[in-house]
């Protein structure tokens, strides 16, 4: 499973996912979720975002 790292501030971060222009990908569902390290927030020192679903071509 690939892992991408990014930085954000003020509660926001932007992430782009390039999707190749291939007809076979239309209708493909994919899911993502973020783990954010935030020392002092809790015993784990991290928070997790809501999950998101997307569909290619919609």
N, C-alpha and C. Protein backbone atom coordinates (compact mmCIF):
# COMPACT_ATOMS: atom_id res chain seq x y z
N UNK A 1 0.85 -1.17 0.00
CA UNK A 1 0.00 0.00 0.00
C UNK A 1 0.90 1.24 0.00
N UNK A 2 0.71 2.15 -0.94
CA UNK A 2 1.53 3.35 -0.97
C UNK A 2 1.18 4.30 0.16
N UNK A 3 2.17 5.02 0.62
CA UNK A 3 1.99 6.02 1.67
C UNK A 3 2.54 7.34 1.14
N UNK A 4 1.73 8.38 1.18
CA UNK A 4 2.16 9.71 0.75
C UNK A 4 2.26 10.60 1.97
N UNK A 5 3.26 11.44 1.97
CA UNK A 5 3.43 12.39 3.07
C UNK A 5 3.20 13.79 2.54
N UNK A 6 2.58 14.61 3.37
CA UNK A 6 2.33 16.00 2.99
C UNK A 6 2.26 16.85 4.25
N UNK A 7 2.37 18.13 4.09
CA UNK A 7 2.31 19.07 5.20
C UNK A 7 1.11 20.00 5.03
N UNK A 8 0.55 20.41 6.12
CA UNK A 8 -0.56 21.36 6.09
C UNK A 8 -0.46 22.27 7.29
N UNK A 9 -1.31 23.27 7.32
CA UNK A 9 -1.35 24.17 8.47
C UNK A 9 -2.74 24.77 8.57
N UNK A 10 -3.10 25.21 9.75
CA UNK A 10 -4.39 25.83 9.96
C UNK A 10 -5.57 24.90 9.70
N UNK A 11 -5.35 23.60 9.87
CA UNK A 11 -6.43 22.65 9.67
C UNK A 11 -6.68 22.28 8.22
N UNK A 12 -5.80 22.71 7.30
CA UNK A 12 -5.99 22.42 5.88
C UNK A 12 -4.72 21.88 5.25
N UNK A 13 -4.91 21.02 4.30
CA UNK A 13 -3.81 20.51 3.47
C UNK A 13 -4.40 20.14 2.13
N UNK A 14 -3.62 20.32 1.07
CA UNK A 14 -4.09 19.98 -0.27
C UNK A 14 -3.28 18.81 -0.81
N UNK A 15 -3.96 17.92 -1.49
CA UNK A 15 -3.31 16.75 -2.06
C UNK A 15 -3.93 16.48 -3.42
N UNK A 16 -3.09 16.29 -4.42
CA UNK A 16 -3.57 16.01 -5.76
C UNK A 16 -3.21 14.58 -6.13
N UNK A 17 -4.14 13.92 -6.78
CA UNK A 17 -3.92 12.55 -7.23
C UNK A 17 -4.10 12.53 -8.75
N UNK A 18 -3.00 12.47 -9.49
CA UNK A 18 -3.15 12.40 -10.95
C UNK A 18 -3.71 11.04 -11.37
N UNK A 19 -4.72 11.07 -12.21
CA UNK A 19 -5.34 9.84 -12.70
C UNK A 19 -5.14 9.79 -14.22
N UNK A 20 -4.55 8.73 -14.73
CA UNK A 20 -4.31 8.64 -16.17
C UNK A 20 -5.61 8.66 -16.96
N UNK A 21 -5.55 9.21 -18.16
CA UNK A 21 -6.71 9.29 -19.04
C UNK A 21 -6.89 7.94 -19.75
N UNK A 22 -7.45 6.98 -19.01
CA UNK A 22 -7.68 5.63 -19.55
C UNK A 22 -9.13 5.24 -19.30
N UNK A 23 -9.81 4.84 -20.36
CA UNK A 23 -11.23 4.52 -20.27
C UNK A 23 -11.52 3.41 -19.27
N UNK A 24 -10.58 2.50 -19.07
CA UNK A 24 -10.78 1.41 -18.13
C UNK A 24 -10.88 1.85 -16.68
N UNK A 25 -10.49 3.08 -16.38
CA UNK A 25 -10.56 3.58 -15.01
C UNK A 25 -11.89 4.27 -14.69
N UNK A 26 -12.68 4.59 -15.71
CA UNK A 26 -13.95 5.27 -15.49
C UNK A 26 -14.86 4.37 -14.65
N UNK A 27 -15.41 4.93 -13.60
CA UNK A 27 -16.28 4.19 -12.70
C UNK A 27 -15.56 3.52 -11.54
N UNK A 28 -14.23 3.58 -11.54
CA UNK A 28 -13.45 2.98 -10.47
C UNK A 28 -13.68 3.73 -9.16
N UNK A 29 -14.01 3.01 -8.11
CA UNK A 29 -14.18 3.59 -6.78
C UNK A 29 -12.83 3.49 -6.06
N UNK A 30 -12.46 4.56 -5.34
CA UNK A 30 -11.28 4.47 -4.48
C UNK A 30 -11.56 5.22 -3.19
N UNK A 31 -10.81 4.86 -2.19
CA UNK A 31 -11.05 5.36 -0.84
C UNK A 31 -9.75 5.92 -0.27
N UNK A 32 -9.87 6.91 0.61
CA UNK A 32 -8.67 7.41 1.29
C UNK A 32 -9.04 7.90 2.68
N UNK A 33 -8.00 7.99 3.48
CA UNK A 33 -8.14 8.46 4.85
C UNK A 33 -6.77 8.95 5.29
N UNK A 34 -6.72 9.91 6.18
CA UNK A 34 -5.44 10.48 6.60
C UNK A 34 -5.18 10.22 8.08
N UNK A 35 -3.94 9.95 8.38
CA UNK A 35 -3.45 9.86 9.76
C UNK A 35 -2.55 11.07 9.96
N UNK A 36 -2.89 11.90 10.94
CA UNK A 36 -2.16 13.14 11.18
C UNK A 36 -1.49 13.07 12.54
N UNK A 37 -0.17 13.20 12.55
CA UNK A 37 0.56 13.20 13.81
C UNK A 37 0.38 14.55 14.49
N UNK A 38 -0.11 14.52 15.72
CA UNK A 38 -0.40 15.74 16.48
C UNK A 38 -0.05 15.48 17.94
N UNK A 39 1.24 15.59 18.28
CA UNK A 39 1.68 15.30 19.65
C UNK A 39 0.88 16.10 20.68
N UNK A 40 0.52 15.44 21.75
CA UNK A 40 -0.20 16.10 22.82
C UNK A 40 -1.71 16.02 22.69
N UNK A 41 -2.21 15.59 21.55
CA UNK A 41 -3.66 15.50 21.35
C UNK A 41 -4.26 14.37 22.17
N UNK A 42 -3.60 13.22 22.15
CA UNK A 42 -4.07 12.05 22.87
C UNK A 42 -2.88 11.13 23.14
N UNK A 43 -3.13 9.96 23.71
CA UNK A 43 -2.04 9.05 24.05
C UNK A 43 -1.29 8.55 22.80
N UNK A 44 -1.98 8.43 21.69
CA UNK A 44 -1.35 8.00 20.45
C UNK A 44 -0.52 9.12 19.82
N UNK A 45 -0.89 10.35 20.08
CA UNK A 45 -0.20 11.49 19.47
C UNK A 45 -0.57 11.68 18.02
N UNK A 46 -1.78 11.25 17.66
CA UNK A 46 -2.23 11.36 16.28
C UNK A 46 -3.75 11.40 16.22
N UNK A 47 -4.27 11.92 15.13
CA UNK A 47 -5.71 11.91 14.87
C UNK A 47 -5.92 11.35 13.47
N UNK A 48 -7.12 10.84 13.22
CA UNK A 48 -7.44 10.24 11.93
C UNK A 48 -8.61 11.01 11.31
N UNK A 49 -8.51 11.28 10.02
CA UNK A 49 -9.57 12.01 9.32
C UNK A 49 -10.77 11.09 9.07
N UNK A 50 -11.85 11.70 8.64
CA UNK A 50 -12.97 10.91 8.14
C UNK A 50 -12.51 10.20 6.87
N UNK A 51 -13.14 9.10 6.58
CA UNK A 51 -12.84 8.38 5.34
C UNK A 51 -13.57 9.08 4.19
N UNK A 52 -13.03 8.95 2.98
CA UNK A 52 -13.66 9.54 1.81
C UNK A 52 -13.67 8.52 0.68
N UNK A 53 -14.70 8.59 -0.14
CA UNK A 53 -14.81 7.74 -1.32
C UNK A 53 -14.92 8.64 -2.54
N UNK A 54 -14.31 8.24 -3.63
CA UNK A 54 -14.41 8.96 -4.88
C UNK A 54 -14.61 7.97 -6.01
N UNK A 55 -15.19 8.46 -7.10
CA UNK A 55 -15.40 7.64 -8.28
C UNK A 55 -14.78 8.36 -9.47
N UNK A 56 -13.93 7.68 -10.21
CA UNK A 56 -13.27 8.28 -11.36
C UNK A 56 -14.31 8.57 -12.44
N UNK A 57 -14.28 9.81 -12.95
CA UNK A 57 -15.17 10.18 -14.05
C UNK A 57 -16.53 10.67 -13.62
N UNK A 58 -16.74 10.91 -12.34
CA UNK A 58 -18.03 11.41 -11.87
C UNK A 58 -17.84 12.62 -11.02
